[in-house]
Amino acid sequence: MRRRTRETWAAYAFLSPWMIGFVIFMAVPMVASLVLSFTDYDALRPPGAVGWANYRHLVEDPAVRTSLVNTLVYTVLSVPATMAVSLALAALLTRAGRRSAGFFRTVFYLPEITPKVAVGVLFLILFNGQAGLVNAALGLVGIDGPQWSTDGPWVKPGLVLMHLWSVGSTVVIYLAALRGVPRELYEAAELDGASAWQRFRRITVPMISGALFFTLIVQTIAALQSFDEAYTAFYGSAAAATYSNDAALFYLIYLFQQAFEFLHLGYASAMAWLLFVVILAITLVQVRLSRRFIHYEGGDR
């Protein structure tokens, strides 16, 4: 009993840095933002209670609807594209030799450590409608490239393509999952005459479904909180006068503007809690649906 007690206190001691950090940097700010969401607060004067006024204003504010729709559309475009490209790259790496696979794994991961602000600036350079490298490359094959940074319908696809620059962490996850699939399953399926597509659909996808589900959750949450690249490209001080576009007004950008440009901190807190509810609802739906598609090795599903 004494030994178990000592082990328990040792576990708490190791967990205490995380627990203290969670309370100070997560729990307390969340409670504070919930309280502020019911106030009119500008950081210059004491907050004044306004009841549900901030939440009623969320329903009436057209910019909230615009930014939320933009964010959801970007998420729908970005998440499947990220997963598909990452899986394709991981599948290619499984065919590479040990040394070359390690090299390319590092190369694919390097963009992950690139500052997001730099990626936003790079977007303006590569996707400039007049002199960008992307349109120049399209011109070589006879395609007249769109105005990625000023034409509303092309803004979000351009940001999605730019996001594919940093899929390294997802590639590494998929590579580990693919290497965990027993080779005997592929050999048996090939002997039975299964095509490459059938082997991918019936063996690869079910066996790595856990990794697919994990990245689906993580990528969805990250896409719903997109901020850095779009803000740098379209709303930073150097680009706002030329490139500002409502098609790039993501929800977190509008929240940032309300909080730190207009000092509507109470309203921004209400926006933050709306985003929390949206993310929670989408995640719960994904978890619910996953029960039909996730393969549990040794289980019924």
C-alpha atoms as a PDB file:
ATOM      1  CA  MET A   1       0.000   0.000   0.000  1.00  0.00           C
ATOM      2  CA  ARG A   2       2.784   2.419   0.896  1.00  0.00           C
ATOM      3  CA  ARG A   3       4.587   1.584  -2.346  1.00  0.00           C
ATOM      4  CA  ARG A   4       1.447   2.244  -4.367  1.00  0.00           C
ATOM      5  CA  THR A   5       0.982   5.555  -2.555  1.00  0.00           C
ATOM      6  CA  ARG A   6       4.559   6.570  -3.327  1.00  0.00           C
ATOM      7  CA  GLU A   7       4.083   5.656  -6.986  1.00  0.00           C
ATOM      8  CA  THR A   8       0.870   7.677  -7.096  1.00  0.00           C
ATOM      9  CA  TRP A   9       2.558  10.763  -5.646  1.00  0.00           C
ATOM     10  CA  ALA A  10       5.479  10.256  -8.030  1.00  0.00           C
ATOM     11  CA  ALA A  11       3.046  10.194 -10.946  1.00  0.00           C
ATOM     12  CA  TYR A  12       1.417  13.411  -9.723  1.00  0.00           C
ATOM     13  CA  ALA A  13       4.870  14.987  -9.395  1.00  0.00           C
ATOM     14  CA  PHE A  14       5.698  14.180 -13.020  1.00  0.00           C
ATOM     15  CA  LEU A  15       2.266  15.389 -14.154  1.00  0.00           C
ATOM     16  CA  SER A  16       2.339  18.577 -12.090  1.00  0.00           C
ATOM     17  CA  PRO A  17       4.167  20.780 -14.665  1.00  0.00           C
ATOM     18  CA  TRP A  18       1.517  19.979 -17.257  1.00  0.00           C
ATOM     19  CA  MET A  19      -1.335  20.335 -14.767  1.00  0.00           C
ATOM     20  CA  ILE A  20      -0.049  23.706 -13.528  1.00  0.00           C
ATOM     21  CA  GLY A  21       0.445  24.909 -17.099  1.00  0.00           C
ATOM     22  CA  PHE A  22      -3.044  23.729 -18.071  1.00  0.00           C
ATOM     23  CA  VAL A  23      -4.673  25.545 -15.166  1.00  0.00           C
ATOM     24  CA  ILE A  24      -2.729  28.788 -15.682  1.00  0.00           C
ATOM     25  CA  PHE A  25      -2.700  28.970 -19.472  1.00  0.00           C
ATOM     26  CA  MET A  26      -5.895  27.103 -20.427  1.00  0.00           C
ATOM     27  CA  ALA A  27      -8.502  26.654 -17.700  1.00  0.00           C
ATOM     28  CA  VAL A  28      -8.268  30.106 -16.104  1.00  0.00           C
ATOM     29  CA  PRO A  29      -8.264  31.994 -19.466  1.00  0.00           C
ATOM     30  CA  MET A  30     -11.236  29.926 -20.664  1.00  0.00           C
ATOM     31  CA  VAL A  31     -13.259  30.757 -17.569  1.00  0.00           C
ATOM     32  CA  ALA A  32     -12.236  34.411 -17.844  1.00  0.00           C
ATOM     33  CA  SER A  33     -13.267  34.566 -21.507  1.00  0.00           C
ATOM     34  CA  LEU A  34     -16.625  32.986 -20.664  1.00  0.00           C
ATOM     35  CA  VAL A  35     -17.237  35.676 -18.053  1.00  0.00           C
ATOM     36  CA  LEU A  36     -16.074  38.431 -20.418  1.00  0.00           C
ATOM     37  CA  SER A  37     -18.404  37.169 -23.154  1.00  0.00           C
ATOM     38  CA  PHE A  38     -21.298  38.536 -21.098  1.00  0.00           C
ATOM     39  CA  THR A  39     -19.709  41.978 -20.719  1.00  0.00           C
ATOM     40  CA  ASP A  40     -18.813  45.067 -22.722  1.00  0.00           C
ATOM     41  CA  TYR A  41     -15.051  45.252 -22.214  1.00  0.00           C
ATOM     42  CA  ASP A  42     -12.415  47.255 -24.101  1.00  0.00           C
ATOM     43  CA  ALA A  43      -9.361  46.770 -21.811  1.00  0.00           C
ATOM     44  CA  LEU A  44      -9.421  50.486 -20.996  1.00  0.00           C
ATOM     45  CA  ARG A  45     -12.417  50.541 -18.674  1.00  0.00           C
ATOM     46  CA  PRO A  46     -13.821  47.991 -16.212  1.00  0.00           C
ATOM     47  CA  PRO A  47     -16.121  45.447 -17.896  1.00  0.00           C
ATOM     48  CA  GLY A  48     -19.833  46.133 -17.732  1.00  0.00           C
ATOM     49  CA  ALA A  49     -22.409  43.356 -17.790  1.00  0.00           C
ATOM     50  CA  VAL A  50     -24.555  43.210 -20.945  1.00  0.00           C
ATOM     51  CA  GLY A  51     -26.158  39.792 -20.530  1.00  0.00           C
ATOM     52  CA  TRP A  52     -26.696  37.919 -23.781  1.00  0.00           C
ATOM     53  CA  ALA A  53     -26.218  41.016 -25.981  1.00  0.00           C
ATOM     54  CA  ASN A  54     -22.910  39.806 -27.432  1.00  0.00           C
ATOM     55  CA  TYR A  55     -24.406  36.464 -28.418  1.00  0.00           C
ATOM     56  CA  ARG A  56     -27.448  38.124 -29.981  1.00  0.00           C
ATOM     57  CA  HIS A  57     -25.093  40.349 -31.956  1.00  0.00           C
ATOM     58  CA  LEU A  58     -23.306  37.222 -33.250  1.00  0.00           C
ATOM     59  CA  VAL A  59     -26.535  36.165 -34.934  1.00  0.00           C
ATOM     60  CA  GLU A  60     -27.060  39.601 -36.475  1.00  0.00           C
ATOM     61  CA  ASP A  61     -23.492  40.342 -37.563  1.00  0.00           C
ATOM     62  CA  PRO A  62     -23.087  39.594 -41.317  1.00  0.00           C
ATOM     63  CA  ALA A  63     -19.300  39.482 -40.984  1.00  0.00           C
ATOM     64  CA  VAL A  64     -19.633  36.570 -38.551  1.00  0.00           C
ATOM     65  CA  ARG A  65     -21.655  34.618 -41.111  1.00  0.00           C
ATOM     66  CA  THR A  66     -19.210  35.483 -43.900  1.00  0.00           C
ATOM     67  CA  SER A  67     -16.151  34.513 -41.883  1.00  0.00           C
ATOM     68  CA  LEU A  68     -17.752  31.310 -40.614  1.00  0.00           C
ATOM     69  CA  VAL A  69     -18.772  30.223 -44.125  1.00  0.00           C
ATOM     70  CA  ASN A  70     -15.286  31.049 -45.442  1.00  0.00           C
ATOM     71  CA  THR A  71     -13.723  28.971 -42.685  1.00  0.00           C
ATOM     72  CA  LEU A  72     -16.031  26.007 -43.260  1.00  0.00           C
ATOM     73  CA  VAL A  73     -15.457  26.074 -47.035  1.00  0.00           C
ATOM     74  CA  TYR A  74     -11.709  26.243 -46.513  1.00  0.00           C
ATOM     75  CA  THR A  75     -11.928  23.310 -44.097  1.00  0.00           C
ATOM     76  CA  VAL A  76     -13.945  21.201 -46.563  1.00  0.00           C
ATOM     77  CA  LEU A  77     -11.349  21.895 -49.279  1.00  0.00           C
ATOM     78  CA  SER A  78      -8.224  21.713 -47.153  1.00  0.00           C
ATOM     79  CA  VAL A  79      -8.705  18.598 -45.025  1.00  0.00           C
ATOM     80  CA  PRO A  80      -9.387  16.039 -47.812  1.00  0.00           C
ATOM     81  CA  ALA A  81      -6.633  17.552 -49.968  1.00  0.00           C
ATOM     82  CA  THR A  82      -4.120  17.375 -47.126  1.00  0.00           C
ATOM     83  CA  MET A  83      -5.013  13.780 -46.315  1.00  0.00           C
ATOM     84  CA  ALA A  84      -4.938  12.648 -49.963  1.00  0.00           C
ATOM     85  CA  VAL A  85      -1.597  14.277 -50.763  1.00  0.00           C
ATOM     86  CA  SER A  86      -0.050  13.059 -47.513  1.00  0.00           C
ATOM     87  CA  LEU A  87      -1.205   9.491 -48.117  1.00  0.00           C
ATOM     88  CA  ALA A  88       0.132   9.551 -51.681  1.00  0.00           C
ATOM     89  CA  LEU A  89       3.531  10.814 -50.523  1.00  0.00           C
ATOM     90  CA  ALA A  90       3.646   8.283 -47.690  1.00  0.00           C
ATOM     91  CA  ALA A  91       2.825   5.469 -50.127  1.00  0.00           C
ATOM     92  CA  LEU A  92       5.690   6.592 -52.369  1.00  0.00           C
ATOM     93  CA  LEU A  93       8.063   6.629 -49.392  1.00  0.00           C
ATOM     94  CA  THR A  94       7.189   3.025 -48.555  1.00  0.00           C
ATOM     95  CA  ARG A  95       8.607   2.040 -51.952  1.00  0.00           C
ATOM     96  CA  ALA A  96      11.858   3.939 -51.406  1.00  0.00           C
ATOM     97  CA  GLY A  97      15.001   2.434 -49.934  1.00  0.00           C
ATOM     98  CA  ARG A  98      15.823   2.892 -46.261  1.00  0.00           C
ATOM     99  CA  ARG A  99      18.374   5.675 -46.798  1.00  0.00           C
ATOM    100  CA  SER A 100      16.405   7.567 -49.414  1.00  0.00           C
ATOM    101  CA  ALA A 101      13.190   7.234 -47.356  1.00  0.00           C
ATOM    102  CA  GLY A 102      14.902   8.846 -44.379  1.00  0.00           C
ATOM    103  CA  PHE A 103      16.179  11.693 -46.563  1.00  0.00           C
ATOM    104  CA  PHE A 104      12.814  12.409 -48.175  1.00  0.00           C
ATOM    105  CA  ARG A 105      11.015  12.090 -44.840  1.00  0.00           C
ATOM    106  CA  THR A 106      13.220  14.887 -43.538  1.00  0.00           C
ATOM    107  CA  VAL A 107      12.678  16.957 -46.687  1.00  0.00           C
ATOM    108  CA  PHE A 108       8.902  16.616 -46.418  1.00  0.00           C
ATOM    109  CA  TYR A 109       8.948  17.584 -42.750  1.00  0.00           C
ATOM    110  CA  LEU A 110      11.173  20.670 -43.078  1.00  0.00           C
ATOM    111  CA  PRO A 111       8.323  22.968 -44.260  1.00  0.00           C
ATOM    112  CA  GLU A 112       6.556  22.241 -40.952  1.00  0.00           C
ATOM    113  CA  ILE A 113       9.120  24.382 -39.152  1.00  0.00           C
ATOM    114  CA  THR A 114       8.819  27.243 -41.640  1.00  0.00           C
ATOM    115  CA  PRO A 115       7.282  30.303 -39.925  1.00  0.00           C
ATOM    116  CA  LYS A 116       3.645  30.727 -40.939  1.00  0.00           C
ATOM    117  CA  VAL A 117       4.227  34.425 -41.590  1.00  0.00           C
ATOM    118  CA  ALA A 118       6.867  33.515 -44.159  1.00  0.00           C
ATOM    119  CA  VAL A 119       4.404  31.137 -45.810  1.00  0.00           C
ATOM    120  CA  GLY A 120       1.865  33.969 -46.066  1.00  0.00           C
ATOM    121  CA  VAL A 121       4.417  36.209 -47.779  1.00  0.00           C
ATOM    122  CA  LEU A 122       5.424  33.337 -50.026  1.00  0.00           C
ATOM    123  CA  PHE A 123       1.768  32.984 -51.055  1.00  0.00           C
ATOM    124  CA  LEU A 124       1.786  36.526 -52.474  1.00  0.00           C
ATOM    125  CA  ILE A 125       4.981  35.816 -54.400  1.00  0.00           C
ATOM    126  CA  LEU A 126       3.980  32.459 -55.853  1.00  0.00           C
ATOM    127  CA  PHE A 127       0.298  33.169 -56.490  1.00  0.00           C
ATOM    128  CA  ASN A 128       0.518  36.721 -57.797  1.00  0.00           C
ATOM    129  CA  GLY A 129      -1.861  36.889 -60.741  1.00  0.00           C
ATOM    130  CA  GLN A 130       0.467  38.970 -62.908  1.00  0.00           C
ATOM    131  CA  ALA A 131       3.983  37.761 -62.144  1.00  0.00           C
ATOM    132  CA  GLY A 132       3.586  34.772 -59.835  1.00  0.00           C
ATOM    133  CA  LEU A 133       5.548  31.587 -60.412  1.00  0.00           C
ATOM    134  CA  VAL A 134       2.399  29.425 -60.316  1.00  0.00           C
ATOM    135  CA  ASN A 135       0.750  31.288 -63.200  1.00  0.00           C
ATOM    136  CA  ALA A 136       4.068  31.358 -65.049  1.00  0.00           C
ATOM    137  CA  ALA A 137       4.238  27.557 -64.794  1.00  0.00           C
ATOM    138  CA  LEU A 138       0.630  27.233 -65.939  1.00  0.00           C
ATOM    139  CA  GLY A 139       1.402  29.507 -68.880  1.00  0.00           C
ATOM    140  CA  LEU A 140       4.084  27.081 -70.059  1.00  0.00           C
ATOM    141  CA  VAL A 141       1.377  24.486 -70.712  1.00  0.00           C
ATOM    142  CA  GLY A 142      -1.041  26.973 -72.263  1.00  0.00           C
ATOM    143  CA  ILE A 143      -3.225  27.630 -69.208  1.00  0.00           C
ATOM    144  CA  ASP A 144      -4.154  31.200 -68.340  1.00  0.00           C
ATOM    145  CA  GLY A 145      -3.861  31.232 -64.535  1.00  0.00           C
ATOM    146  CA  PRO A 146      -6.486  33.006 -62.409  1.00  0.00           C
ATOM    147  CA  GLN A 147      -6.022  36.002 -60.124  1.00  0.00           C
ATOM    148  CA  TRP A 148      -5.385  33.939 -57.021  1.00  0.00           C
ATOM    149  CA  SER A 149      -5.065  36.848 -54.601  1.00  0.00           C
ATOM    150  CA  THR A 150      -7.830  39.152 -55.855  1.00  0.00           C
ATOM    151  CA  ASP A 151     -10.473  36.945 -57.495  1.00  0.00           C
ATOM    152  CA  GLY A 152     -12.775  35.819 -54.648  1.00  0.00           C
ATOM    153  CA  PRO A 153     -13.599  32.274 -55.880  1.00  0.00           C
ATOM    154  CA  TRP A 154      -9.875  31.472 -56.256  1.00  0.00           C
ATOM    155  CA  VAL A 155      -8.636  32.844 -52.930  1.00  0.00           C
ATOM    156  CA  LYS A 156      -9.472  29.792 -50.819  1.00  0.00           C
ATOM    157  CA  PRO A 157      -8.255  27.203 -53.402  1.00  0.00           C
ATOM    158  CA  GLY A 158      -5.000  29.154 -53.550  1.00  0.00           C
ATOM    159  CA  LEU A 159      -4.663  29.064 -49.769  1.00  0.00           C
ATOM    160  CA  VAL A 160      -5.377  25.328 -49.815  1.00  0.00           C
ATOM    161  CA  LEU A 161      -2.626  24.756 -52.381  1.00  0.00           C
ATOM    162  CA  MET A 162      -0.300  26.831 -50.235  1.00  0.00           C
ATOM    163  CA  HIS A 163      -1.246  24.796 -47.171  1.00  0.00           C
ATOM    164  CA  LEU A 164      -0.096  21.639 -48.964  1.00  0.00           C
ATOM    165  CA  TRP A 165       3.413  23.040 -48.557  1.00  0.00           C
ATOM    166  CA  SER A 166       3.363  21.819 -44.959  1.00  0.00           C
ATOM    167  CA  VAL A 167       1.971  18.286 -44.890  1.00  0.00           C
ATOM    168  CA  GLY A 168       5.131  16.735 -43.477  1.00  0.00           C
ATOM    169  CA  SER A 169       3.780  15.725 -40.073  1.00  0.00           C
ATOM    170  CA  THR A 170       0.785  13.982 -41.659  1.00  0.00           C
ATOM    171  CA  VAL A 171       3.088  12.194 -44.108  1.00  0.00           C
ATOM    172  CA  VAL A 172       5.180  10.878 -41.208  1.00  0.00           C
ATOM    173  CA  ILE A 173       2.059   9.598 -39.418  1.00  0.00           C
ATOM    174  CA  TYR A 174       0.784   7.832 -42.527  1.00  0.00           C
ATOM    175  CA  LEU A 175       4.203   6.378 -43.274  1.00  0.00           C
ATOM    176  CA  ALA A 176       4.360   4.811 -39.824  1.00  0.00           C
ATOM    177  CA  ALA A 177       0.829   3.432 -40.252  1.00  0.00           C
ATOM    178  CA  LEU A 178       1.567   1.985 -43.697  1.00  0.00           C
ATOM    179  CA  ARG A 179       4.686   0.242 -42.441  1.00  0.00           C
ATOM    180  CA  GLY A 180       2.587  -1.385 -39.751  1.00  0.00           C
ATOM    181  CA  VAL A 181       0.340  -3.165 -42.268  1.00  0.00           C
ATOM    182  CA  PRO A 182       1.343  -6.870 -42.465  1.00  0.00           C
ATOM    183  CA  ARG A 183       2.850  -7.665 -45.846  1.00  0.00           C
ATOM    184  CA  GLU A 184       1.249 -11.110 -45.730  1.00  0.00           C
ATOM    185  CA  LEU A 185      -2.156  -9.525 -46.327  1.00  0.00           C
ATOM    186  CA  TYR A 186      -0.990  -7.952 -49.592  1.00  0.00           C
ATOM    187  CA  GLU A 187       0.671 -11.152 -50.724  1.00  0.00           C
ATOM    188  CA  ALA A 188      -2.443 -13.218 -50.029  1.00  0.00           C
ATOM    189  CA  ALA A 189      -4.672 -10.694 -51.818  1.00  0.00           C
ATOM    190  CA  GLU A 190      -2.341 -10.605 -54.809  1.00  0.00           C
ATOM    191  CA  LEU A 191      -2.417 -14.410 -55.041  1.00  0.00           C
ATOM    192  CA  ASP A 192      -6.219 -14.210 -55.053  1.00  0.00           C
ATOM    193  CA  GLY A 193      -6.072 -11.846 -58.024  1.00  0.00           C
ATOM    194  CA  ALA A 194      -6.915  -8.591 -56.240  1.00  0.00           C
ATOM    195  CA  SER A 195      -6.021  -5.464 -58.192  1.00  0.00           C
ATOM    196  CA  ALA A 196      -3.951  -2.610 -56.759  1.00  0.00           C
ATOM    197  CA  TRP A 197      -7.105  -0.581 -56.143  1.00  0.00           C
ATOM    198  CA  GLN A 198      -8.804  -3.505 -54.401  1.00  0.00           C
ATOM    199  CA  ARG A 199      -5.754  -4.052 -52.195  1.00  0.00           C
ATOM    200  CA  PHE A 200      -5.716  -0.361 -51.309  1.00  0.00           C
ATOM    201  CA  ARG A 201      -9.452  -0.253 -50.583  1.00  0.00           C
ATOM    202  CA  ARG A 202      -9.805  -3.571 -48.773  1.00  0.00           C
ATOM    203  CA  ILE A 203      -6.484  -3.771 -46.935  1.00  0.00           C
ATOM    204  CA  THR A 204      -4.624  -0.455 -46.741  1.00  0.00           C
ATOM    205  CA  VAL A 205      -7.500   1.847 -45.819  1.00  0.00           C
ATOM    206  CA  PRO A 206      -9.014  -0.416 -43.114  1.00  0.00           C
ATOM    207  CA  MET A 207      -5.616  -1.163 -41.566  1.00  0.00           C
ATOM    208  CA  ILE A 208      -4.610   2.512 -41.335  1.00  0.00           C
ATOM    209  CA  SER A 209      -8.116   3.793 -40.558  1.00  0.00           C
ATOM    210  CA  GLY A 210      -7.058   4.730 -37.036  1.00  0.00           C
ATOM    211  CA  ALA A 211      -4.336   7.041 -38.357  1.00  0.00           C
ATOM    212  CA  LEU A 212      -6.735   8.435 -40.958  1.00  0.00           C
ATOM    213  CA  PHE A 213      -9.293   9.210 -38.273  1.00  0.00           C
ATOM    214  CA  PHE A 214      -6.698  10.854 -36.018  1.00  0.00           C
ATOM    215  CA  THR A 215      -5.448  13.133 -38.780  1.00  0.00           C
ATOM    216  CA  LEU A 216      -9.020  13.912 -39.831  1.00  0.00           C
ATOM    217  CA  ILE A 217      -9.767  15.231 -36.335  1.00  0.00           C
ATOM    218  CA  VAL A 218      -6.489  17.130 -36.008  1.00  0.00           C
ATOM    219  CA  GLN A 219      -6.597  18.639 -39.500  1.00  0.00           C
ATOM    220  CA  THR A 220     -10.238  19.688 -39.110  1.00  0.00           C
ATOM    221  CA  ILE A 221      -9.563  21.481 -35.832  1.00  0.00           C
ATOM    222  CA  ALA A 222      -6.473  23.155 -37.311  1.00  0.00           C
ATOM    223  CA  ALA A 223      -8.341  24.278 -40.443  1.00  0.00           C
ATOM    224  CA  LEU A 224     -11.173  25.762 -38.391  1.00  0.00           C
ATOM    225  CA  GLN A 225      -8.557  27.812 -36.535  1.00  0.00           C
ATOM    226  CA  SER A 226      -6.678  28.987 -39.644  1.00  0.00           C
ATOM    227  CA  PHE A 227      -5.164  32.409 -39.160  1.00  0.00           C
ATOM    228  CA  ASP A 228      -1.475  33.028 -39.825  1.00  0.00           C
ATOM    229  CA  GLU A 229      -1.060  32.558 -43.569  1.00  0.00           C
ATOM    230  CA  ALA A 230      -4.327  34.250 -44.573  1.00  0.00           C
ATOM    231  CA  TYR A 231      -3.831  37.169 -42.193  1.00  0.00           C
ATOM    232  CA  THR A 232      -0.254  37.759 -43.353  1.00  0.00           C
ATOM    233  CA  ALA A 233      -1.205  37.562 -47.026  1.00  0.00           C
ATOM    234  CA  PHE A 234      -4.430  39.577 -46.967  1.00  0.00           C
ATOM    235  CA  TYR A 235      -4.699  41.581 -43.748  1.00  0.00           C
ATOM    236  CA  GLY A 236      -1.128  42.371 -42.700  1.00  0.00           C
ATOM    237  CA  SER A 237      -0.066  46.001 -42.775  1.00  0.00           C
ATOM    238  CA  ALA A 238       1.914  45.565 -45.995  1.00  0.00           C
ATOM    239  CA  ALA A 239      -0.780  43.658 -47.893  1.00  0.00           C
ATOM    240  CA  ALA A 240      -4.082  44.982 -46.565  1.00  0.00           C
ATOM    241  CA  ALA A 241      -4.290  47.964 -48.911  1.00  0.00           C
ATOM    242  CA  THR A 242      -3.730  45.824 -52.017  1.00  0.00           C
ATOM    243  CA  TYR A 243      -4.931  42.316 -51.288  1.00  0.00           C
ATOM    244  CA  SER A 244      -7.600  42.622 -48.576  1.00  0.00           C
ATOM    245  CA  ASN A 245     -10.424  40.341 -49.665  1.00  0.00           C
ATOM    246  CA  ASP A 246     -13.576  39.201 -47.868  1.00  0.00           C
ATOM    247  CA  ALA A 247     -13.050  35.738 -49.373  1.00  0.00           C
ATOM    248  CA  ALA A 248     -10.032  35.394 -47.046  1.00  0.00           C
ATOM    249  CA  LEU A 249     -11.828  36.698 -43.962  1.00  0.00           C
ATOM    250  CA  PHE A 250     -11.588  33.610 -41.808  1.00  0.00           C
ATOM    251  CA  TYR A 251     -13.381  33.410 -38.485  1.00  0.00           C
ATOM    252  CA  LEU A 252     -10.232  33.677 -36.376  1.00  0.00           C
ATOM    253  CA  ILE A 253      -9.100  36.724 -38.358  1.00  0.00           C
ATOM    254  CA  TYR A 254     -12.392  38.505 -37.648  1.00  0.00           C
ATOM    255  CA  LEU A 255     -12.127  37.484 -33.987  1.00  0.00           C
ATOM    256  CA  PHE A 256      -8.602  38.936 -33.869  1.00  0.00           C
ATOM    257  CA  GLN A 257      -9.796  42.170 -35.443  1.00  0.00           C
ATOM    258  CA  GLN A 258     -12.612  42.549 -32.934  1.00  0.00           C
ATOM    259  CA  ALA A 259     -10.320  41.849 -29.988  1.00  0.00           C
ATOM    260  CA  PHE A 260      -7.109  43.682 -30.823  1.00  0.00           C
ATOM    261  CA  GLU A 261      -7.986  46.228 -33.506  1.00  0.00           C
ATOM    262  CA  PHE A 262     -11.409  47.391 -32.293  1.00  0.00           C
ATOM    263  CA  LEU A 263     -10.901  46.392 -28.616  1.00  0.00           C
ATOM    264  CA  HIS A 264     -14.288  44.669 -28.461  1.00  0.00           C
ATOM    265  CA  LEU A 265     -12.918  42.053 -26.086  1.00  0.00           C
ATOM    266  CA  GLY A 266     -16.296  41.010 -24.719  1.00  0.00           C
ATOM    267  CA  TYR A 267     -17.657  40.413 -28.215  1.00  0.00           C
ATOM    268  CA  ALA A 268     -14.457  38.598 -29.237  1.00  0.00           C
ATOM    269  CA  SER A 269     -14.842  36.314 -26.202  1.00  0.00           C
ATOM    270  CA  ALA A 270     -18.355  35.433 -27.336  1.00  0.00           C
ATOM    271  CA  MET A 271     -16.973  34.692 -30.810  1.00  0.00           C
ATOM    272  CA  ALA A 272     -14.342  32.426 -29.288  1.00  0.00           C
ATOM    273  CA  TRP A 273     -16.988  30.428 -27.458  1.00  0.00           C
ATOM    274  CA  LEU A 274     -19.064  30.114 -30.617  1.00  0.00           C
ATOM    275  CA  LEU A 275     -16.003  28.694 -32.384  1.00  0.00           C
ATOM    276  CA  PHE A 276     -15.465  26.300 -29.472  1.00  0.00           C
ATOM    277  CA  VAL A 277     -19.030  25.027 -29.790  1.00  0.00           C
ATOM    278  CA  VAL A 278     -18.701  24.621 -33.580  1.00  0.00           C
ATOM    279  CA  ILE A 279     -15.445  22.665 -33.247  1.00  0.00           C
ATOM    280  CA  LEU A 280     -16.903  20.519 -30.465  1.00  0.00           C
ATOM    281  CA  ALA A 281     -20.033  19.735 -32.503  1.00  0.00           C
ATOM    282  CA  ILE A 282     -18.059  18.815 -35.642  1.00  0.00           C
ATOM    283  CA  THR A 283     -15.656  16.656 -33.630  1.00  0.00           C
ATOM    284  CA  LEU A 284     -18.513  14.807 -31.915  1.00  0.00           C
ATOM    285  CA  VAL A 285     -20.122  14.106 -35.305  1.00  0.00           C
ATOM    286  CA  GLN A 286     -16.814  12.790 -36.634  1.00  0.00           C
ATOM    287  CA  VAL A 287     -16.345  10.556 -33.597  1.00  0.00           C
ATOM    288  CA  ARG A 288     -19.897   9.266 -33.973  1.00  0.00           C
ATOM    289  CA  LEU A 289     -19.469   8.468 -37.659  1.00  0.00           C
ATOM    290  CA  SER A 290     -16.049   6.917 -37.092  1.00  0.00           C
ATOM    291  CA  ARG A 291     -17.627   3.882 -35.418  1.00  0.00           C
ATOM    292  CA  ARG A 292     -18.763   2.701 -38.839  1.00  0.00           C
ATOM    293  CA  PHE A 293     -15.423   3.135 -40.588  1.00  0.00           C
ATOM    294  CA  ILE A 294     -12.629   2.527 -38.080  1.00  0.00           C
ATOM    295  CA  HIS A 295     -11.142  -0.975 -38.173  1.00  0.00           C
ATOM    296  CA  TYR A 296     -10.210  -2.387 -34.786  1.00  0.00           C
ATOM    297  CA  GLU A 297      -7.690  -5.187 -35.180  1.00  0.00           C
ATOM    298  CA  GLY A 298      -8.966  -8.258 -33.408  1.00  0.00           C
ATOM    299  CA  GLY A 299     -12.444  -6.731 -32.985  1.00  0.00           C
ATOM    300  CA  ASP A 300     -15.746  -6.729 -34.821  1.00  0.00           C
ATOM    301  CA  ARG A 301     -15.259  -3.326 -36.470  1.00  0.00           C
END
